């Protein structure tokens, strides 16, 4: 019994030490380099000004993704969730962002927000998805990584009055549903 307790304490101390002393800035630079390579193969370009370490993760500053759309963030912070990753046997991380915007013909701010990301082949789950800008989204969705399409989704979508007329056109590309004047991103 004492031996098991010692092993558990040693393991907990080791994991805690890793959490505190990991070089998150270097991990972030490596992760962004890998993400850039992967996204460029898919036809997207990634640019950013800097990567910095933060408590339990890293932040990417002035991040911009361009391809079919143009998405930018003032900062994007990624914090791995080690306990959740071990329990689910899949990578899990908490992602938060500030001053996000998307260009869909016109620039639309989706402000600050975040989500909990879980990656398990062949999909990515985005839970607790929330934004607070002109373009706001609250709910969850999955993304099929093989086809890069939305799998399951249930999220409320609010758009500015000036953009509302474009929603019917976007229904051709996204699983959008209008219920009582409110828009939802929904697929089951």
C-alpha atoms as a PDB file:
ATOM      1  CA  UNK A   1       0.000   0.000   0.000  1.00  0.00           C
ATOM      2  CA  UNK A   2       2.820   2.393   0.878  1.00  0.00           C
ATOM      3  CA  UNK A   3       4.593   1.575  -2.359  1.00  0.00           C
ATOM      4  CA  UNK A   4       1.448   2.370  -4.394  1.00  0.00           C
ATOM      5  CA  UNK A   5       1.037   5.659  -2.525  1.00  0.00           C
ATOM      6  CA  UNK A   6       4.677   6.578  -3.250  1.00  0.00           C
ATOM      7  CA  UNK A   7       4.233   5.759  -6.948  1.00  0.00           C
ATOM      8  CA  UNK A   8       1.056   7.860  -7.132  1.00  0.00           C
ATOM      9  CA  UNK A   9       2.724  10.799  -5.345  1.00  0.00           C
ATOM     10  CA  UNK A  10       5.796  10.576  -7.578  1.00  0.00           C
ATOM     11  CA  UNK A  11       3.618  10.462 -10.704  1.00  0.00           C
ATOM     12  CA  UNK A  12       1.538  13.441  -9.529  1.00  0.00           C
ATOM     13  CA  UNK A  13       4.700  15.423  -8.701  1.00  0.00           C
ATOM     14  CA  UNK A  14       6.223  14.570 -12.080  1.00  0.00           C
ATOM     15  CA  UNK A  15       3.116  15.655 -13.994  1.00  0.00           C
ATOM     16  CA  UNK A  16       2.840  18.841 -11.906  1.00  0.00           C
ATOM     17  CA  UNK A  17       6.522  19.623 -12.604  1.00  0.00           C
ATOM     18  CA  UNK A  18       5.992  19.111 -16.325  1.00  0.00           C
ATOM     19  CA  UNK A  19       2.996  21.427 -16.216  1.00  0.00           C
ATOM     20  CA  UNK A  20       4.984  24.166 -14.447  1.00  0.00           C
ATOM     21  CA  UNK A  21       8.346  23.897 -16.206  1.00  0.00           C
ATOM     22  CA  UNK A  22       7.470  22.973 -19.796  1.00  0.00           C
ATOM     23  CA  UNK A  23       8.938  25.443 -22.299  1.00  0.00           C
ATOM     24  CA  UNK A  24       5.529  26.536 -23.604  1.00  0.00           C
ATOM     25  CA  UNK A  25       6.946  29.197 -25.936  1.00  0.00           C
ATOM     26  CA  UNK A  26       9.046  26.626 -27.795  1.00  0.00           C
ATOM     27  CA  UNK A  27       6.176  24.140 -27.821  1.00  0.00           C
ATOM     28  CA  UNK A  28       3.972  26.895 -29.283  1.00  0.00           C
ATOM     29  CA  UNK A  29       6.515  27.709 -31.995  1.00  0.00           C
ATOM     30  CA  UNK A  30       6.755  24.030 -32.928  1.00  0.00           C
ATOM     31  CA  UNK A  31       2.950  23.643 -32.928  1.00  0.00           C
ATOM     32  CA  UNK A  32       2.511  26.702 -35.163  1.00  0.00           C
ATOM     33  CA  UNK A  33       5.171  25.450 -37.567  1.00  0.00           C
ATOM     34  CA  UNK A  34       3.408  22.076 -37.799  1.00  0.00           C
ATOM     35  CA  UNK A  35      -0.007  23.758 -38.183  1.00  0.00           C
ATOM     36  CA  UNK A  36       1.343  26.035 -40.906  1.00  0.00           C
ATOM     37  CA  UNK A  37       2.675  23.049 -42.892  1.00  0.00           C
ATOM     38  CA  UNK A  38      -0.582  21.106 -42.510  1.00  0.00           C
ATOM     39  CA  UNK A  39      -2.829  24.050 -43.430  1.00  0.00           C
ATOM     40  CA  UNK A  40      -0.695  25.062 -46.423  1.00  0.00           C
ATOM     41  CA  UNK A  41      -1.178  21.556 -47.842  1.00  0.00           C
ATOM     42  CA  UNK A  42      -4.906  22.235 -47.605  1.00  0.00           C
ATOM     43  CA  UNK A  43      -4.615  25.542 -49.480  1.00  0.00           C
ATOM     44  CA  UNK A  44      -4.599  27.936 -46.525  1.00  0.00           C
ATOM     45  CA  UNK A  45      -1.919  30.395 -45.508  1.00  0.00           C
ATOM     46  CA  UNK A  46      -1.001  31.124 -41.888  1.00  0.00           C
ATOM     47  CA  UNK A  47       0.799  34.206 -40.614  1.00  0.00           C
ATOM     48  CA  UNK A  48       1.463  35.521 -37.097  1.00  0.00           C
ATOM     49  CA  UNK A  49       3.798  37.996 -35.414  1.00  0.00           C
ATOM     50  CA  UNK A  50       4.975  36.117 -32.315  1.00  0.00           C
ATOM     51  CA  UNK A  51       4.423  33.194 -29.942  1.00  0.00           C
ATOM     52  CA  UNK A  52       4.729  33.664 -26.182  1.00  0.00           C
ATOM     53  CA  UNK A  53       4.484  31.267 -23.266  1.00  0.00           C
ATOM     54  CA  UNK A  54       1.646  31.753 -20.789  1.00  0.00           C
ATOM     55  CA  UNK A  55       0.785  29.873 -17.604  1.00  0.00           C
ATOM     56  CA  UNK A  56      -0.111  26.370 -18.777  1.00  0.00           C
ATOM     57  CA  UNK A  57       0.089  27.057 -22.515  1.00  0.00           C
ATOM     58  CA  UNK A  58       1.064  29.535 -25.211  1.00  0.00           C
ATOM     59  CA  UNK A  59      -0.364  32.545 -27.061  1.00  0.00           C
ATOM     60  CA  UNK A  60      -0.073  33.324 -30.755  1.00  0.00           C
ATOM     61  CA  UNK A  61      -0.241  37.034 -31.563  1.00  0.00           C
ATOM     62  CA  UNK A  62      -1.733  38.649 -34.682  1.00  0.00           C
ATOM     63  CA  UNK A  63      -2.740  35.307 -36.169  1.00  0.00           C
ATOM     64  CA  UNK A  64      -4.241  35.324 -39.644  1.00  0.00           C
ATOM     65  CA  UNK A  65      -5.614  32.390 -41.686  1.00  0.00           C
ATOM     66  CA  UNK A  66      -6.345  33.058 -45.348  1.00  0.00           C
ATOM     67  CA  UNK A  67      -7.880  30.780 -47.916  1.00  0.00           C
ATOM     68  CA  UNK A  68     -11.527  30.716 -48.952  1.00  0.00           C
ATOM     69  CA  UNK A  69     -12.139  33.166 -46.087  1.00  0.00           C
ATOM     70  CA  UNK A  70      -9.895  35.469 -44.116  1.00  0.00           C
ATOM     71  CA  UNK A  71      -9.905  34.871 -40.334  1.00  0.00           C
ATOM     72  CA  UNK A  72      -7.783  36.882 -37.912  1.00  0.00           C
ATOM     73  CA  UNK A  73      -7.221  37.070 -34.149  1.00  0.00           C
ATOM     74  CA  UNK A  74      -5.444  39.679 -32.042  1.00  0.00           C
ATOM     75  CA  UNK A  75      -4.302  36.774 -29.900  1.00  0.00           C
ATOM     76  CA  UNK A  76      -5.122  33.081 -29.636  1.00  0.00           C
ATOM     77  CA  UNK A  77      -4.229  31.218 -26.432  1.00  0.00           C
ATOM     78  CA  UNK A  78      -3.955  27.426 -26.329  1.00  0.00           C
ATOM     79  CA  UNK A  79      -3.795  25.582 -23.005  1.00  0.00           C
ATOM     80  CA  UNK A  80      -3.540  21.779 -23.043  1.00  0.00           C
ATOM     81  CA  UNK A  81      -5.859  19.978 -20.632  1.00  0.00           C
ATOM     82  CA  UNK A  82      -3.611  17.127 -19.480  1.00  0.00           C
ATOM     83  CA  UNK A  83      -6.069  15.439 -17.109  1.00  0.00           C
ATOM     84  CA  UNK A  84      -8.917  15.532 -19.649  1.00  0.00           C
ATOM     85  CA  UNK A  85      -6.549  14.249 -22.356  1.00  0.00           C
ATOM     86  CA  UNK A  86      -5.519  11.288 -20.224  1.00  0.00           C
ATOM     87  CA  UNK A  87      -9.113  10.466 -19.267  1.00  0.00           C
ATOM     88  CA  UNK A  88     -10.426  10.699 -22.841  1.00  0.00           C
ATOM     89  CA  UNK A  89      -7.290   9.212 -24.461  1.00  0.00           C
ATOM     90  CA  UNK A  90      -7.457  12.112 -26.961  1.00  0.00           C
ATOM     91  CA  UNK A  91      -5.763  15.500 -27.085  1.00  0.00           C
ATOM     92  CA  UNK A  92      -7.898  18.133 -25.333  1.00  0.00           C
ATOM     93  CA  UNK A  93      -7.110  21.826 -25.046  1.00  0.00           C
ATOM     94  CA  UNK A  94      -8.832  25.007 -24.003  1.00  0.00           C
ATOM     95  CA  UNK A  95      -8.626  27.734 -26.641  1.00  0.00           C
ATOM     96  CA  UNK A  96      -9.457  31.391 -26.064  1.00  0.00           C
ATOM     97  CA  UNK A  97      -9.089  34.338 -28.410  1.00  0.00           C
ATOM     98  CA  UNK A  98      -9.439  38.101 -28.554  1.00  0.00           C
ATOM     99  CA  UNK A  99     -10.419  40.541 -31.284  1.00  0.00           C
ATOM    100  CA  UNK A 100     -11.407  37.871 -33.773  1.00  0.00           C
ATOM    101  CA  UNK A 101     -12.819  38.747 -37.178  1.00  0.00           C
ATOM    102  CA  UNK A 102     -13.811  37.010 -40.389  1.00  0.00           C
ATOM    103  CA  UNK A 103     -14.075  38.401 -43.904  1.00  0.00           C
ATOM    104  CA  UNK A 104     -17.074  37.067 -45.808  1.00  0.00           C
ATOM    105  CA  UNK A 105     -17.345  39.798 -48.417  1.00  0.00           C
ATOM    106  CA  UNK A 106     -17.179  42.300 -45.567  1.00  0.00           C
ATOM    107  CA  UNK A 107     -15.246  42.193 -42.297  1.00  0.00           C
ATOM    108  CA  UNK A 108     -17.318  40.929 -39.389  1.00  0.00           C
ATOM    109  CA  UNK A 109     -16.098  40.991 -35.810  1.00  0.00           C
ATOM    110  CA  UNK A 110     -16.732  37.939 -33.666  1.00  0.00           C
ATOM    111  CA  UNK A 111     -14.854  39.591 -30.792  1.00  0.00           C
ATOM    112  CA  UNK A 112     -13.560  37.612 -27.859  1.00  0.00           C
ATOM    113  CA  UNK A 113     -14.436  34.024 -27.022  1.00  0.00           C
ATOM    114  CA  UNK A 114     -13.216  30.478 -26.907  1.00  0.00           C
ATOM    115  CA  UNK A 115     -13.988  26.773 -26.895  1.00  0.00           C
ATOM    116  CA  UNK A 116     -12.823  23.407 -25.628  1.00  0.00           C
ATOM    117  CA  UNK A 117     -11.248  21.367 -28.442  1.00  0.00           C
ATOM    118  CA  UNK A 118     -11.065  17.555 -28.412  1.00  0.00           C
ATOM    119  CA  UNK A 119      -9.370  15.755 -31.281  1.00  0.00           C
ATOM    120  CA  UNK A 120     -10.284  12.143 -31.911  1.00  0.00           C
ATOM    121  CA  UNK A 121      -9.864  10.685 -35.365  1.00  0.00           C
ATOM    122  CA  UNK A 122     -11.586  11.393 -37.690  1.00  0.00           C
ATOM    123  CA  UNK A 123     -13.161  14.495 -36.116  1.00  0.00           C
ATOM    124  CA  UNK A 124     -12.569  17.562 -33.991  1.00  0.00           C
ATOM    125  CA  UNK A 125     -15.135  18.464 -31.338  1.00  0.00           C
ATOM    126  CA  UNK A 126     -15.564  22.150 -30.427  1.00  0.00           C
ATOM    127  CA  UNK A 127     -17.547  22.389 -27.177  1.00  0.00           C
ATOM    128  CA  UNK A 128     -18.641  25.464 -25.226  1.00  0.00           C
ATOM    129  CA  UNK A 129     -18.128  27.523 -28.368  1.00  0.00           C
ATOM    130  CA  UNK A 130     -18.760  31.189 -27.583  1.00  0.00           C
ATOM    131  CA  UNK A 131     -18.097  34.552 -29.161  1.00  0.00           C
ATOM    132  CA  UNK A 132     -19.308  38.019 -28.158  1.00  0.00           C
ATOM    133  CA  UNK A 133     -18.868  40.212 -31.244  1.00  0.00           C
ATOM    134  CA  UNK A 134     -21.255  41.384 -33.955  1.00  0.00           C
ATOM    135  CA  UNK A 135     -21.094  37.845 -35.314  1.00  0.00           C
ATOM    136  CA  UNK A 136     -21.782  35.641 -32.286  1.00  0.00           C
ATOM    137  CA  UNK A 137     -21.918  31.880 -32.038  1.00  0.00           C
ATOM    138  CA  UNK A 138     -22.845  29.813 -28.981  1.00  0.00           C
ATOM    139  CA  UNK A 139     -23.038  26.023 -28.921  1.00  0.00           C
ATOM    140  CA  UNK A 140     -20.995  23.107 -30.231  1.00  0.00           C
ATOM    141  CA  UNK A 141     -19.924  21.515 -33.509  1.00  0.00           C
ATOM    142  CA  UNK A 142     -17.783  18.718 -34.851  1.00  0.00           C
ATOM    143  CA  UNK A 143     -15.540  18.958 -37.906  1.00  0.00           C
ATOM    144  CA  UNK A 144     -14.848  15.909 -40.045  1.00  0.00           C
ATOM    145  CA  UNK A 145     -11.093  16.186 -40.655  1.00  0.00           C
ATOM    146  CA  UNK A 146     -11.117  13.846 -43.671  1.00  0.00           C
ATOM    147  CA  UNK A 147     -13.552  16.026 -45.621  1.00  0.00           C
ATOM    148  CA  UNK A 148     -13.092  19.331 -43.726  1.00  0.00           C
ATOM    149  CA  UNK A 149     -16.852  19.644 -43.285  1.00  0.00           C
ATOM    150  CA  UNK A 150     -19.095  20.277 -40.335  1.00  0.00           C
ATOM    151  CA  UNK A 151     -20.312  16.975 -38.898  1.00  0.00           C
ATOM    152  CA  UNK A 152     -22.733  17.490 -36.021  1.00  0.00           C
ATOM    153  CA  UNK A 153     -23.647  20.990 -34.879  1.00  0.00           C
ATOM    154  CA  UNK A 154     -26.065  22.796 -32.631  1.00  0.00           C
ATOM    155  CA  UNK A 155     -25.153  26.446 -32.199  1.00  0.00           C
ATOM    156  CA  UNK A 156     -27.090  29.699 -32.153  1.00  0.00           C
ATOM    157  CA  UNK A 157     -25.783  32.255 -34.614  1.00  0.00           C
ATOM    158  CA  UNK A 158     -26.373  35.997 -34.454  1.00  0.00           C
ATOM    159  CA  UNK A 159     -25.310  38.305 -37.258  1.00  0.00           C
ATOM    160  CA  UNK A 160     -25.514  42.076 -37.718  1.00  0.00           C
ATOM    161  CA  UNK A 161     -28.558  43.466 -39.501  1.00  0.00           C
ATOM    162  CA  UNK A 162     -26.386  44.455 -42.498  1.00  0.00           C
ATOM    163  CA  UNK A 163     -25.318  40.842 -43.031  1.00  0.00           C
ATOM    164  CA  UNK A 164     -28.669  39.108 -42.395  1.00  0.00           C
ATOM    165  CA  UNK A 165     -29.602  39.148 -46.100  1.00  0.00           C
ATOM    166  CA  UNK A 166     -26.526  36.985 -46.866  1.00  0.00           C
ATOM    167  CA  UNK A 167     -27.652  34.134 -44.607  1.00  0.00           C
ATOM    168  CA  UNK A 168     -29.912  32.572 -47.241  1.00  0.00           C
ATOM    169  CA  UNK A 169     -26.938  32.368 -49.618  1.00  0.00           C
ATOM    170  CA  UNK A 170     -24.755  30.805 -46.897  1.00  0.00           C
ATOM    171  CA  UNK A 171     -27.362  28.041 -46.447  1.00  0.00           C
ATOM    172  CA  UNK A 172     -25.902  26.583 -49.658  1.00  0.00           C
ATOM    173  CA  UNK A 173     -22.550  26.035 -47.915  1.00  0.00           C
ATOM    174  CA  UNK A 174     -23.379  25.634 -44.219  1.00  0.00           C
ATOM    175  CA  UNK A 175     -26.056  23.694 -42.307  1.00  0.00           C
ATOM    176  CA  UNK A 176     -27.978  26.866 -41.366  1.00  0.00           C
ATOM    177  CA  UNK A 177     -31.575  26.785 -40.153  1.00  0.00           C
ATOM    178  CA  UNK A 178     -33.846  29.776 -39.548  1.00  0.00           C
ATOM    179  CA  UNK A 179     -36.321  29.227 -36.714  1.00  0.00           C
ATOM    180  CA  UNK A 180     -38.567  32.130 -35.780  1.00  0.00           C
ATOM    181  CA  UNK A 181     -36.164  34.729 -37.144  1.00  0.00           C
ATOM    182  CA  UNK A 182     -33.188  33.240 -35.271  1.00  0.00           C
ATOM    183  CA  UNK A 183     -30.362  31.462 -37.096  1.00  0.00           C
ATOM    184  CA  UNK A 184     -28.885  28.147 -35.972  1.00  0.00           C
ATOM    185  CA  UNK A 185     -25.962  26.115 -37.223  1.00  0.00           C
ATOM    186  CA  UNK A 186     -27.529  22.675 -36.936  1.00  0.00           C
ATOM    187  CA  UNK A 187     -26.723  19.209 -38.244  1.00  0.00           C
ATOM    188  CA  UNK A 188     -27.422  15.861 -36.553  1.00  0.00           C
END
